[in-house]
Amino acid sequence: MNHVFKSDMPTPFWSDEFRSRILGHREVLARLESLATQGRTPPSLIFSGPSGIGKKRVALEFAQVLVGDRKSLDFEASMAMTEHILYVRPDGASIKIDQVREANQFLQLRRLGRSRVLIFDEAHLLNEQAANAMLKSVEEPPEQTHFLFITPSASQVLPTIRSRSQTLNFAPLDRAALSEALRLQGLKVALTPELEALCGGSVAVALDNLGDEVALEIAQAVKRFMQALGTEQAGRELQTWKDLVKERDQHILVSRLLVQEIAASWREQVRRPENPLDRRQLEKLSQLALESQADLYRNVDRHLIWENFLIASQRALQEARVSR
């Protein structure tokens, strides 16, 4: 059920300062404004899209407008709060049950007549125990309470949360917006097709990998691997990136790129139902990518992680074909 909630919101809805800093996402911003001004903001929203494109900035601005609370939050902390906004991000490899228990306590402190917003960053890293601990709050949220779940892809959020939320899809930044974002960072960079492919429309990824030729090669290898999944060629493509990837940061890049590629396939599946990867396959691949990501943080042998990912992915695709 949607909460009917109208605040004394400023006109225009989004501040001039915010509009000057955010690039793209005009349809999403218009949708959020419409929901809020009509008093129809759902209790739970998923902000889905590649990392580093502004989802977190939009979530914070939206939360601040809803509750009229402009105090700053420390996005580097695993938990940060103001009187009316709680921000939660993974503590290590996941969002843990203790963080959710603290979030539930935060809900109990709600003041009459004021909304509360809980922002869960990297919500796909909510472990199952933690998700179950917050399920009742999501199912039956206190009055004037809103949950914002930020994730690269809604498909990676646990079904118990996803089924009770409305999803807003943030598209990757296009070439013009990405170039402008880099310019605003004070960088004059030629956005080559290779760098654009590596970025996946993400400013954060671009900034992390500018001038890194190995990163560009890794990105191309991961893309070829995903295109080859389900064939014998996938094993050869895996070997290509195994020969390139040496450092822990590079393995984390592989993990991020896999999530990015799967999310792109998910968006393509929504646009084109005839996409060769169906929803069940994508959900399974998402799950496997997240398990690999968690294994990286648990210091499992890195090359073994990718061997296991290949075997499990090929098996999942084969089983899906048989069951059709």
C-alpha atoms as a PDB file:
ATOM      1  CA  MET A   1       0.000   0.000   0.000  1.00  0.00           C
ATOM      2  CA  ASN A   2       1.304   3.470  -0.847  1.00  0.00           C
ATOM      3  CA  HIS A   3       1.707   6.002   1.925  1.00  0.00           C
ATOM      4  CA  VAL A   4      -0.180   9.247   1.395  1.00  0.00           C
ATOM      5  CA  PHE A   5       2.398  11.792   2.441  1.00  0.00           C
ATOM      6  CA  LYS A   6       2.847  15.380   1.386  1.00  0.00           C
ATOM      7  CA  SER A   7       5.548  17.563   2.862  1.00  0.00           C
ATOM      8  CA  ASP A   8       6.021  21.306   2.665  1.00  0.00           C
ATOM      9  CA  MET A   9       8.254  20.786  -0.347  1.00  0.00           C
ATOM     10  CA  PRO A  10      10.036  23.681  -1.996  1.00  0.00           C
ATOM     11  CA  THR A  11       9.241  24.847  -5.518  1.00  0.00           C
ATOM     12  CA  PRO A  12      10.835  23.664  -7.707  1.00  0.00           C
ATOM     13  CA  PHE A  13      10.983  20.177  -6.238  1.00  0.00           C
ATOM     14  CA  TRP A  14      14.675  19.581  -7.041  1.00  0.00           C
ATOM     15  CA  SER A  15      17.044  22.321  -5.944  1.00  0.00           C
ATOM     16  CA  ASP A  16      18.995  24.270  -8.553  1.00  0.00           C
ATOM     17  CA  GLU A  17      22.230  23.095  -6.919  1.00  0.00           C
ATOM     18  CA  PHE A  18      21.205  19.456  -7.269  1.00  0.00           C
ATOM     19  CA  ARG A  19      20.173  19.893 -10.907  1.00  0.00           C
ATOM     20  CA  SER A  20      23.520  21.498 -11.688  1.00  0.00           C
ATOM     21  CA  ARG A  21      25.378  18.479 -10.262  1.00  0.00           C
ATOM     22  CA  ILE A  22      23.306  15.584 -11.570  1.00  0.00           C
ATOM     23  CA  LEU A  23      23.605  14.401 -15.171  1.00  0.00           C
ATOM     24  CA  GLY A  24      20.971  12.398 -16.994  1.00  0.00           C
ATOM     25  CA  HIS A  25      18.107  10.467 -15.353  1.00  0.00           C
ATOM     26  CA  ARG A  26      15.471  13.064 -16.265  1.00  0.00           C
ATOM     27  CA  GLU A  27      12.701  10.485 -16.569  1.00  0.00           C
ATOM     28  CA  VAL A  28      13.510   9.010 -13.142  1.00  0.00           C
ATOM     29  CA  LEU A  29      13.656  12.456 -11.543  1.00  0.00           C
ATOM     30  CA  ALA A  30      10.303  13.376 -13.078  1.00  0.00           C
ATOM     31  CA  ARG A  31       8.793  10.105 -11.824  1.00  0.00           C
ATOM     32  CA  LEU A  32      10.061  10.663  -8.273  1.00  0.00           C
ATOM     33  CA  GLU A  33       8.794  14.236  -8.269  1.00  0.00           C
ATOM     34  CA  SER A  34       5.375  13.091  -9.487  1.00  0.00           C
ATOM     35  CA  LEU A  35       5.110  10.372  -6.833  1.00  0.00           C
ATOM     36  CA  ALA A  36       6.089  12.713  -4.004  1.00  0.00           C
ATOM     37  CA  THR A  37       4.022  15.732  -5.000  1.00  0.00           C
ATOM     38  CA  GLN A  38       0.934  13.546  -5.441  1.00  0.00           C
ATOM     39  CA  GLY A  39       1.495  11.910  -2.069  1.00  0.00           C
ATOM     40  CA  ARG A  40       2.009   8.481  -3.631  1.00  0.00           C
ATOM     41  CA  THR A  41       5.619   7.625  -2.805  1.00  0.00           C
ATOM     42  CA  PRO A  42       5.741   3.839  -2.295  1.00  0.00           C
ATOM     43  CA  PRO A  43       7.043   2.601   1.057  1.00  0.00           C
ATOM     44  CA  SER A  44       9.867   0.754  -0.740  1.00  0.00           C
ATOM     45  CA  LEU A  45      11.764   1.768  -3.884  1.00  0.00           C
ATOM     46  CA  ILE A  46      14.658   0.062  -5.653  1.00  0.00           C
ATOM     47  CA  PHE A  47      17.097   2.362  -7.466  1.00  0.00           C
ATOM     48  CA  SER A  48      18.565   0.025 -10.075  1.00  0.00           C
ATOM     49  CA  GLY A  49      21.426   0.816 -12.447  1.00  0.00           C
ATOM     50  CA  PRO A  50      25.200   0.678 -12.894  1.00  0.00           C
ATOM     51  CA  SER A  51      27.423   1.896 -10.081  1.00  0.00           C
ATOM     52  CA  GLY A  52      28.814   5.394 -10.277  1.00  0.00           C
ATOM     53  CA  ILE A  53      26.029   7.062 -12.283  1.00  0.00           C
ATOM     54  CA  GLY A  54      24.390   9.126  -9.523  1.00  0.00           C
ATOM     55  CA  LYS A  55      21.846   6.795  -7.888  1.00  0.00           C
ATOM     56  CA  LYS A  56      23.166   7.492  -4.386  1.00  0.00           C
ATOM     57  CA  ARG A  57      23.118  11.253  -4.960  1.00  0.00           C
ATOM     58  CA  VAL A  58      19.512  11.071  -6.194  1.00  0.00           C
ATOM     59  CA  ALA A  59      18.521   8.869  -3.236  1.00  0.00           C
ATOM     60  CA  LEU A  60      19.953  11.320  -0.702  1.00  0.00           C
ATOM     61  CA  GLU A  61      18.387  14.363  -2.386  1.00  0.00           C
ATOM     62  CA  PHE A  62      15.012  12.612  -2.591  1.00  0.00           C
ATOM     63  CA  ALA A  63      15.223  11.586   1.066  1.00  0.00           C
ATOM     64  CA  GLN A  64      16.141  15.106   2.128  1.00  0.00           C
ATOM     65  CA  VAL A  65      13.235  16.619   0.227  1.00  0.00           C
ATOM     66  CA  LEU A  66      10.779  14.119   1.697  1.00  0.00           C
ATOM     67  CA  VAL A  67      11.770  14.784   5.302  1.00  0.00           C
ATOM     68  CA  GLY A  68      13.080  18.339   5.112  1.00  0.00           C
ATOM     69  CA  ASP A  69      16.374  17.284   6.686  1.00  0.00           C
ATOM     70  CA  ARG A  70      19.480  18.719   4.995  1.00  0.00           C
ATOM     71  CA  LYS A  71      22.096  17.454   7.447  1.00  0.00           C
ATOM     72  CA  SER A  72      25.071  15.746   5.782  1.00  0.00           C
ATOM     73  CA  LEU A  73      25.781  12.012   5.936  1.00  0.00           C
ATOM     74  CA  ASP A  74      29.114  10.183   5.881  1.00  0.00           C
ATOM     75  CA  PHE A  75      28.852   7.837   2.902  1.00  0.00           C
ATOM     76  CA  GLU A  76      32.190   6.236   3.829  1.00  0.00           C
ATOM     77  CA  ALA A  77      30.793   4.871   7.105  1.00  0.00           C
ATOM     78  CA  SER A  78      28.967   1.537   7.209  1.00  0.00           C
ATOM     79  CA  MET A  79      26.101   3.341   8.958  1.00  0.00           C
ATOM     80  CA  ALA A  80      25.320   7.047   9.241  1.00  0.00           C
ATOM     81  CA  MET A  81      22.217   8.885  10.325  1.00  0.00           C
ATOM     82  CA  THR A  82      20.539  12.175  10.936  1.00  0.00           C
ATOM     83  CA  GLU A  83      17.353  12.584  12.913  1.00  0.00           C
ATOM     84  CA  HIS A  84      15.245  11.431   9.965  1.00  0.00           C
ATOM     85  CA  ILE A  85      17.544   9.636   7.483  1.00  0.00           C
ATOM     86  CA  LEU A  86      19.527   6.431   7.996  1.00  0.00           C
ATOM     87  CA  TYR A  87      22.211   5.360   5.514  1.00  0.00           C
ATOM     88  CA  VAL A  88      23.485   1.755   5.506  1.00  0.00           C
ATOM     89  CA  ARG A  89      26.201   0.238   3.337  1.00  0.00           C
ATOM     90  CA  PRO A  90      28.014  -3.124   3.484  1.00  0.00           C
ATOM     91  CA  ASP A  91      30.257  -3.653   6.472  1.00  0.00           C
ATOM     92  CA  GLY A  92      32.897  -5.722   4.698  1.00  0.00           C
ATOM     93  CA  ALA A  93      31.415  -8.228   2.269  1.00  0.00           C
ATOM     94  CA  SER A  94      27.758  -7.752   3.197  1.00  0.00           C
ATOM     95  CA  ILE A  95      25.118  -5.779   5.045  1.00  0.00           C
ATOM     96  CA  LYS A  96      24.906  -7.681   8.295  1.00  0.00           C
ATOM     97  CA  ILE A  97      22.087  -8.539  10.647  1.00  0.00           C
ATOM     98  CA  ASP A  98      23.434  -6.234  13.387  1.00  0.00           C
ATOM     99  CA  GLN A  99      23.128  -3.298  10.975  1.00  0.00           C
ATOM    100  CA  VAL A 100      19.529  -4.257  10.225  1.00  0.00           C
ATOM    101  CA  ARG A 101      18.740  -4.539  13.930  1.00  0.00           C
ATOM    102  CA  GLU A 102      20.060  -1.008  14.387  1.00  0.00           C
ATOM    103  CA  ALA A 103      17.939   0.105  11.437  1.00  0.00           C
ATOM    104  CA  ASN A 104      14.868  -1.434  13.061  1.00  0.00           C
ATOM    105  CA  GLN A 105      15.661   0.487  16.253  1.00  0.00           C
ATOM    106  CA  PHE A 106      15.922   3.677  14.208  1.00  0.00           C
ATOM    107  CA  LEU A 107      12.374   3.055  12.968  1.00  0.00           C
ATOM    108  CA  GLN A 108      11.076   2.901  16.529  1.00  0.00           C
ATOM    109  CA  LEU A 109      12.303   6.448  17.168  1.00  0.00           C
ATOM    110  CA  ARG A 110      10.043   7.999  14.520  1.00  0.00           C
ATOM    111  CA  ARG A 111       8.595  11.317  15.586  1.00  0.00           C
ATOM    112  CA  LEU A 112       4.912  11.913  14.986  1.00  0.00           C
ATOM    113  CA  GLY A 113       4.261  13.833  11.793  1.00  0.00           C
ATOM    114  CA  ARG A 114       7.720  13.411  10.227  1.00  0.00           C
ATOM    115  CA  SER A 115       8.805  10.893   7.651  1.00  0.00           C
ATOM    116  CA  ARG A 116      11.786   8.595   7.970  1.00  0.00           C
ATOM    117  CA  VAL A 117      13.871   7.336   5.078  1.00  0.00           C
ATOM    118  CA  LEU A 118      16.247   4.373   5.219  1.00  0.00           C
ATOM    119  CA  ILE A 119      18.788   4.154   2.395  1.00  0.00           C
ATOM    120  CA  PHE A 120      20.466   0.780   1.800  1.00  0.00           C
ATOM    121  CA  ASP A 121      23.449   1.150  -0.516  1.00  0.00           C
ATOM    122  CA  GLU A 122      24.628  -1.982  -2.383  1.00  0.00           C
ATOM    123  CA  ALA A 123      21.365  -3.600  -1.290  1.00  0.00           C
ATOM    124  CA  HIS A 124      22.183  -6.763  -3.250  1.00  0.00           C
ATOM    125  CA  LEU A 125      24.753  -7.445  -0.498  1.00  0.00           C
ATOM    126  CA  LEU A 126      22.060  -7.765   2.158  1.00  0.00           C
ATOM    127  CA  ASN A 127      22.678 -11.289   3.383  1.00  0.00           C
ATOM    128  CA  GLU A 128      19.645 -13.533   3.723  1.00  0.00           C
ATOM    129  CA  GLN A 129      19.637 -13.440   7.518  1.00  0.00           C
ATOM    130  CA  ALA A 130      19.718  -9.635   7.504  1.00  0.00           C
ATOM    131  CA  ALA A 131      16.996  -9.424   4.843  1.00  0.00           C
ATOM    132  CA  ASN A 132      14.746 -11.701   6.876  1.00  0.00           C
ATOM    133  CA  ALA A 133      15.317  -9.528   9.949  1.00  0.00           C
ATOM    134  CA  MET A 134      13.986  -6.478   8.127  1.00  0.00           C
ATOM    135  CA  LEU A 135      11.250  -8.205   6.131  1.00  0.00           C
ATOM    136  CA  LYS A 136       8.439  -7.309   8.544  1.00  0.00           C
ATOM    137  CA  SER A 137       9.432  -3.626   8.462  1.00  0.00           C
ATOM    138  CA  VAL A 138       9.372  -3.663   4.636  1.00  0.00           C
ATOM    139  CA  GLU A 139       6.071  -5.579   4.523  1.00  0.00           C
ATOM    140  CA  GLU A 140       4.365  -3.375   7.108  1.00  0.00           C
ATOM    141  CA  PRO A 141       6.409  -0.177   7.332  1.00  0.00           C
ATOM    142  CA  PRO A 142       5.546   2.346  10.032  1.00  0.00           C
ATOM    143  CA  GLU A 143       3.512   5.268   8.777  1.00  0.00           C
ATOM    144  CA  GLN A 144       5.511   7.838   6.800  1.00  0.00           C
ATOM    145  CA  THR A 145       8.498   5.507   6.417  1.00  0.00           C
ATOM    146  CA  HIS A 146      10.281   4.877   3.141  1.00  0.00           C
ATOM    147  CA  PHE A 147      13.006   2.404   2.138  1.00  0.00           C
ATOM    148  CA  LEU A 148      15.376   3.185  -0.742  1.00  0.00           C
ATOM    149  CA  PHE A 149      17.414   0.209  -1.949  1.00  0.00           C
ATOM    150  CA  ILE A 150      20.359   1.045  -4.242  1.00  0.00           C
ATOM    151  CA  THR A 151      21.762  -1.723  -6.440  1.00  0.00           C
ATOM    152  CA  PRO A 152      23.410  -2.327  -9.840  1.00  0.00           C
ATOM    153  CA  SER A 153      20.439  -4.481 -10.832  1.00  0.00           C
ATOM    154  CA  ALA A 154      17.085  -5.212  -9.216  1.00  0.00           C
ATOM    155  CA  SER A 155      17.565  -8.834 -10.273  1.00  0.00           C
ATOM    156  CA  GLN A 156      20.334  -9.121  -7.681  1.00  0.00           C
ATOM    157  CA  VAL A 157      18.181  -8.010  -4.747  1.00  0.00           C
ATOM    158  CA  LEU A 158      16.711 -10.873  -2.733  1.00  0.00           C
ATOM    159  CA  PRO A 159      13.209 -11.764  -4.003  1.00  0.00           C
ATOM    160  CA  THR A 160      11.707 -11.131  -0.554  1.00  0.00           C
ATOM    161  CA  ILE A 161      12.683  -7.462  -0.878  1.00  0.00           C
ATOM    162  CA  ARG A 162      12.237  -7.113  -4.639  1.00  0.00           C
ATOM    163  CA  SER A 163       8.661  -8.408  -4.623  1.00  0.00           C
ATOM    164  CA  ARG A 164       7.636  -5.748  -2.091  1.00  0.00           C
ATOM    165  CA  SER A 165       9.304  -2.823  -3.853  1.00  0.00           C
ATOM    166  CA  GLN A 166       8.767  -0.656  -6.906  1.00  0.00           C
ATOM    167  CA  THR A 167      11.823  -0.467  -9.168  1.00  0.00           C
ATOM    168  CA  LEU A 168      13.142   2.652 -10.852  1.00  0.00           C
ATOM    169  CA  ASN A 169      15.731   1.930 -13.551  1.00  0.00           C
ATOM    170  CA  PHE A 170      18.635   4.357 -13.929  1.00  0.00           C
ATOM    171  CA  ALA A 171      20.197   4.096 -17.372  1.00  0.00           C
ATOM    172  CA  PRO A 172      23.981   4.241 -17.842  1.00  0.00           C
ATOM    173  CA  LEU A 173      25.198   7.715 -18.751  1.00  0.00           C
ATOM    174  CA  ASP A 174      25.440   8.226 -22.490  1.00  0.00           C
ATOM    175  CA  ARG A 175      28.656   9.370 -24.147  1.00  0.00           C
ATOM    176  CA  ALA A 176      27.793  13.075 -23.900  1.00  0.00           C
ATOM    177  CA  ALA A 177      26.829  12.919 -20.212  1.00  0.00           C
ATOM    178  CA  LEU A 178      29.874  10.805 -19.363  1.00  0.00           C
ATOM    179  CA  SER A 179      32.192  13.243 -21.127  1.00  0.00           C
ATOM    180  CA  GLU A 180      30.566  16.156 -19.308  1.00  0.00           C
ATOM    181  CA  ALA A 181      30.899  14.370 -15.960  1.00  0.00           C
ATOM    182  CA  LEU A 182      34.608  13.843 -16.559  1.00  0.00           C
ATOM    183  CA  ARG A 183      34.962  17.500 -17.563  1.00  0.00           C
ATOM    184  CA  LEU A 184      33.275  18.572 -14.313  1.00  0.00           C
ATOM    185  CA  GLN A 185      35.905  16.505 -12.515  1.00  0.00           C
ATOM    186  CA  GLY A 186      38.523  18.719 -14.164  1.00  0.00           C
ATOM    187  CA  LEU A 187      39.619  16.007 -16.587  1.00  0.00           C
ATOM    188  CA  LYS A 188      40.114  16.426 -20.315  1.00  0.00           C
ATOM    189  CA  VAL A 189      39.873  12.850 -21.525  1.00  0.00           C
ATOM    190  CA  ALA A 190      39.254  11.441 -24.974  1.00  0.00           C
ATOM    191  CA  LEU A 191      36.410   8.988 -24.448  1.00  0.00           C
ATOM    192  CA  THR A 192      37.582   6.163 -26.703  1.00  0.00           C
ATOM    193  CA  PRO A 193      35.234   3.264 -27.537  1.00  0.00           C
ATOM    194  CA  GLU A 194      37.400   1.021 -25.318  1.00  0.00           C
ATOM    195  CA  LEU A 195      37.170   3.364 -22.322  1.00  0.00           C
ATOM    196  CA  GLU A 196      33.448   3.840 -22.898  1.00  0.00           C
ATOM    197  CA  ALA A 197      32.957   0.050 -22.878  1.00  0.00           C
ATOM    198  CA  LEU A 198      34.975  -0.263 -19.669  1.00  0.00           C
ATOM    199  CA  CYS A 199      32.974   2.503 -17.983  1.00  0.00           C
ATOM    200  CA  GLY A 200      29.591   1.035 -18.771  1.00  0.00           C
ATOM    201  CA  GLY A 201      28.206   4.566 -18.444  1.00  0.00           C
ATOM    202  CA  SER A 202      29.733   4.938 -14.966  1.00  0.00           C
ATOM    203  CA  VAL A 203      31.777   7.969 -13.952  1.00  0.00           C
ATOM    204  CA  ALA A 204      33.199   6.120 -10.949  1.00  0.00           C
ATOM    205  CA  VAL A 205      34.550   3.280 -13.100  1.00  0.00           C
ATOM    206  CA  ALA A 206      35.999   5.771 -15.569  1.00  0.00           C
ATOM    207  CA  LEU A 207      37.816   7.656 -12.823  1.00  0.00           C
ATOM    208  CA  ASP A 208      39.143   4.448 -11.299  1.00  0.00           C
ATOM    209  CA  ASN A 209      40.626   3.172 -14.549  1.00  0.00           C
ATOM    210  CA  LEU A 210      41.737   6.186 -16.583  1.00  0.00           C
ATOM    211  CA  GLY A 211      44.966   5.408 -18.393  1.00  0.00           C
ATOM    212  CA  ASP A 212      44.966   1.767 -17.251  1.00  0.00           C
ATOM    213  CA  GLU A 213      45.557  -0.247 -20.405  1.00  0.00           C
ATOM    214  CA  VAL A 214      45.327  -3.561 -18.539  1.00  0.00           C
ATOM    215  CA  ALA A 215      41.901  -2.575 -17.183  1.00  0.00           C
ATOM    216  CA  LEU A 216      40.743  -1.913 -20.739  1.00  0.00           C
ATOM    217  CA  GLU A 217      41.974  -5.356 -21.812  1.00  0.00           C
ATOM    218  CA  ILE A 218      40.252  -6.973 -18.835  1.00  0.00           C
ATOM    219  CA  ALA A 219      36.971  -5.234 -19.703  1.00  0.00           C
ATOM    220  CA  GLN A 220      37.131  -6.493 -23.262  1.00  0.00           C
ATOM    221  CA  ALA A 221      37.956 -10.026 -22.064  1.00  0.00           C
ATOM    222  CA  VAL A 222      35.011 -10.063 -19.632  1.00  0.00           C
ATOM    223  CA  LYS A 223      32.644  -8.862 -22.352  1.00  0.00           C
ATOM    224  CA  ARG A 224      33.847 -11.596 -24.720  1.00  0.00           C
ATOM    225  CA  PHE A 225      33.483 -14.146 -21.916  1.00  0.00           C
ATOM    226  CA  MET A 226      29.858 -13.157 -21.279  1.00  0.00           C
ATOM    227  CA  GLN A 227      29.099 -13.312 -24.993  1.00  0.00           C
ATOM    228  CA  ALA A 228      30.627 -16.798 -25.146  1.00  0.00           C
ATOM    229  CA  LEU A 229      28.846 -18.231 -22.100  1.00  0.00           C
ATOM    230  CA  GLY A 230      27.190 -21.523 -22.927  1.00  0.00           C
ATOM    231  CA  THR A 231      29.833 -22.429 -25.526  1.00  0.00           C
ATOM    232  CA  GLU A 232      33.284 -24.027 -25.406  1.00  0.00           C
ATOM    233  CA  GLN A 233      34.770 -20.621 -26.260  1.00  0.00           C
ATOM    234  CA  ALA A 234      33.872 -19.366 -22.758  1.00  0.00           C
ATOM    235  CA  GLY A 235      36.680 -21.425 -21.226  1.00  0.00           C
ATOM    236  CA  ARG A 236      39.220 -19.901 -23.599  1.00  0.00           C
ATOM    237  CA  GLU A 237      37.966 -16.383 -22.842  1.00  0.00           C
ATOM    238  CA  LEU A 238      38.235 -17.099 -19.110  1.00  0.00           C
ATOM    239  CA  GLN A 239      41.869 -18.069 -19.591  1.00  0.00           C
ATOM    240  CA  THR A 240      42.492 -14.736 -21.335  1.00  0.00           C
ATOM    241  CA  TRP A 241      41.442 -12.713 -18.343  1.00  0.00           C
ATOM    242  CA  LYS A 242      43.144 -15.091 -15.908  1.00  0.00           C
ATOM    243  CA  ASP A 243      46.400 -14.316 -17.697  1.00  0.00           C
ATOM    244  CA  LEU A 244      45.737 -10.567 -17.309  1.00  0.00           C
ATOM    245  CA  VAL A 245      44.381 -10.373 -13.771  1.00  0.00           C
ATOM    246  CA  LYS A 246      47.109 -10.369 -11.122  1.00  0.00           C
ATOM    247  CA  GLU A 247      46.201  -7.945  -8.326  1.00  0.00           C
ATOM    248  CA  ARG A 248      43.278  -8.027  -5.931  1.00  0.00           C
ATOM    249  CA  ASP A 249      41.912  -4.740  -7.312  1.00  0.00           C
ATOM    250  CA  GLN A 250      41.870  -6.285 -10.776  1.00  0.00           C
ATOM    251  CA  HIS A 251      39.869  -9.253  -9.514  1.00  0.00           C
ATOM    252  CA  ILE A 252      37.409  -6.820  -7.933  1.00  0.00           C
ATOM    253  CA  LEU A 253      37.206  -5.057 -11.301  1.00  0.00           C
ATOM    254  CA  VAL A 254      36.333  -8.386 -12.944  1.00  0.00           C
ATOM    255  CA  SER A 255      33.603  -8.905 -10.345  1.00  0.00           C
ATOM    256  CA  ARG A 256      32.202  -5.416 -10.993  1.00  0.00           C
ATOM    257  CA  LEU A 257      32.300  -5.914 -14.753  1.00  0.00           C
ATOM    258  CA  LEU A 258      30.471  -9.235 -14.522  1.00  0.00           C
ATOM    259  CA  VAL A 259      27.710  -7.611 -12.466  1.00  0.00           C
ATOM    260  CA  GLN A 260      27.614  -4.764 -15.003  1.00  0.00           C
ATOM    261  CA  GLU A 261      27.353  -7.113 -17.983  1.00  0.00           C
ATOM    262  CA  ILE A 262      24.600  -9.180 -16.345  1.00  0.00           C
ATOM    263  CA  ALA A 263      22.690  -6.008 -15.446  1.00  0.00           C
ATOM    264  CA  ALA A 264      22.986  -4.853 -19.072  1.00  0.00           C
ATOM    265  CA  SER A 265      21.607  -8.207 -20.234  1.00  0.00           C
ATOM    266  CA  TRP A 266      18.748  -7.855 -17.749  1.00  0.00           C
ATOM    267  CA  ARG A 267      17.828  -4.433 -19.149  1.00  0.00           C
ATOM    268  CA  GLU A 268      18.031  -5.845 -22.676  1.00  0.00           C
ATOM    269  CA  GLN A 269      15.747  -8.709 -21.659  1.00  0.00           C
ATOM    270  CA  VAL A 270      13.153  -6.208 -20.452  1.00  0.00           C
ATOM    271  CA  ARG A 271      13.345  -4.302 -23.754  1.00  0.00           C
ATOM    272  CA  ARG A 272      13.528  -7.387 -25.962  1.00  0.00           C
ATOM    273  CA  PRO A 273      11.843 -10.548 -24.619  1.00  0.00           C
ATOM    274  CA  GLU A 274      13.520 -12.519 -27.428  1.00  0.00           C
ATOM    275  CA  ASN A 275      16.922 -11.828 -25.810  1.00  0.00           C
ATOM    276  CA  PRO A 276      18.756 -15.206 -25.739  1.00  0.00           C
ATOM    277  CA  LEU A 277      19.232 -14.993 -21.959  1.00  0.00           C
ATOM    278  CA  ASP A 278      15.870 -15.337 -20.226  1.00  0.00           C
ATOM    279  CA  ARG A 279      14.917 -14.024 -16.788  1.00  0.00           C
ATOM    280  CA  ARG A 280      15.627 -17.286 -14.957  1.00  0.00           C
ATOM    281  CA  GLN A 281      19.089 -17.537 -16.477  1.00  0.00           C
ATOM    282  CA  LEU A 282      19.855 -13.932 -15.592  1.00  0.00           C
ATOM    283  CA  GLU A 283      18.720 -14.409 -12.002  1.00  0.00           C
ATOM    284  CA  LYS A 284      20.987 -17.443 -11.675  1.00  0.00           C
ATOM    285  CA  LEU A 285      23.954 -15.629 -13.234  1.00  0.00           C
ATOM    286  CA  SER A 286      23.344 -12.688 -10.905  1.00  0.00           C
ATOM    287  CA  GLN A 287      23.371 -15.014  -7.920  1.00  0.00           C
ATOM    288  CA  LEU A 288      26.617 -16.640  -9.069  1.00  0.00           C
ATOM    289  CA  ALA A 289      28.264 -13.239  -9.651  1.00  0.00           C
ATOM    290  CA  LEU A 290      27.322 -12.129  -6.139  1.00  0.00           C
ATOM    291  CA  GLU A 291      28.660 -15.358  -4.644  1.00  0.00           C
ATOM    292  CA  SER A 292      31.936 -14.801  -6.486  1.00  0.00           C
ATOM    293  CA  GLN A 293      32.067 -11.238  -5.213  1.00  0.00           C
ATOM    294  CA  ALA A 294      31.562 -12.443  -1.635  1.00  0.00           C
ATOM    295  CA  ASP A 295      34.261 -15.106  -2.066  1.00  0.00           C
ATOM    296  CA  LEU A 296      36.721 -12.392  -3.106  1.00  0.00           C
ATOM    297  CA  TYR A 297      36.188 -10.605   0.185  1.00  0.00           C
ATOM    298  CA  ARG A 298      36.545 -13.915   2.041  1.00  0.00           C
ATOM    299  CA  ASN A 299      39.966 -14.381   0.409  1.00  0.00           C
ATOM    300  CA  VAL A 300      39.052 -17.585  -1.394  1.00  0.00           C
ATOM    301  CA  ASP A 301      41.663 -18.511  -4.038  1.00  0.00           C
ATOM    302  CA  ARG A 302      40.936 -15.928  -6.716  1.00  0.00           C
ATOM    303  CA  HIS A 303      41.485 -18.002  -9.832  1.00  0.00           C
ATOM    304  CA  LEU A 304      39.457 -20.836  -8.318  1.00  0.00           C
ATOM    305  CA  ILE A 305      36.566 -18.391  -7.903  1.00  0.00           C
ATOM    306  CA  TRP A 306      36.425 -17.785 -11.650  1.00  0.00           C
ATOM    307  CA  GLU A 307      36.823 -21.465 -12.522  1.00  0.00           C
ATOM    308  CA  ASN A 308      33.842 -22.200 -10.270  1.00  0.00           C
ATOM    309  CA  PHE A 309      31.882 -19.316 -11.779  1.00  0.00           C
ATOM    310  CA  LEU A 310      32.467 -20.690 -15.280  1.00  0.00           C
ATOM    311  CA  ILE A 311      31.446 -24.241 -14.351  1.00  0.00           C
ATOM    312  CA  ALA A 312      28.340 -23.130 -12.429  1.00  0.00           C
ATOM    313  CA  SER A 313      27.310 -20.679 -15.169  1.00  0.00           C
ATOM    314  CA  GLN A 314      27.655 -23.223 -17.955  1.00  0.00           C
ATOM    315  CA  ARG A 315      25.673 -25.754 -15.898  1.00  0.00           C
ATOM    316  CA  ALA A 316      22.920 -23.209 -15.168  1.00  0.00           C
ATOM    317  CA  LEU A 317      22.571 -22.295 -18.841  1.00  0.00           C
ATOM    318  CA  GLN A 318      22.495 -25.952 -19.851  1.00  0.00           C
ATOM    319  CA  GLU A 319      19.825 -26.798 -17.266  1.00  0.00           C
ATOM    320  CA  ALA A 320      17.728 -23.838 -18.445  1.00  0.00           C
ATOM    321  CA  ARG A 321      17.872 -25.095 -22.039  1.00  0.00           C
ATOM    322  CA  VAL A 322      16.826 -28.609 -21.021  1.00  0.00           C
ATOM    323  CA  SER A 323      13.884 -27.331 -18.970  1.00  0.00           C
ATOM    324  CA  ARG A 324      12.455 -25.242 -21.850  1.00  0.00           C
END
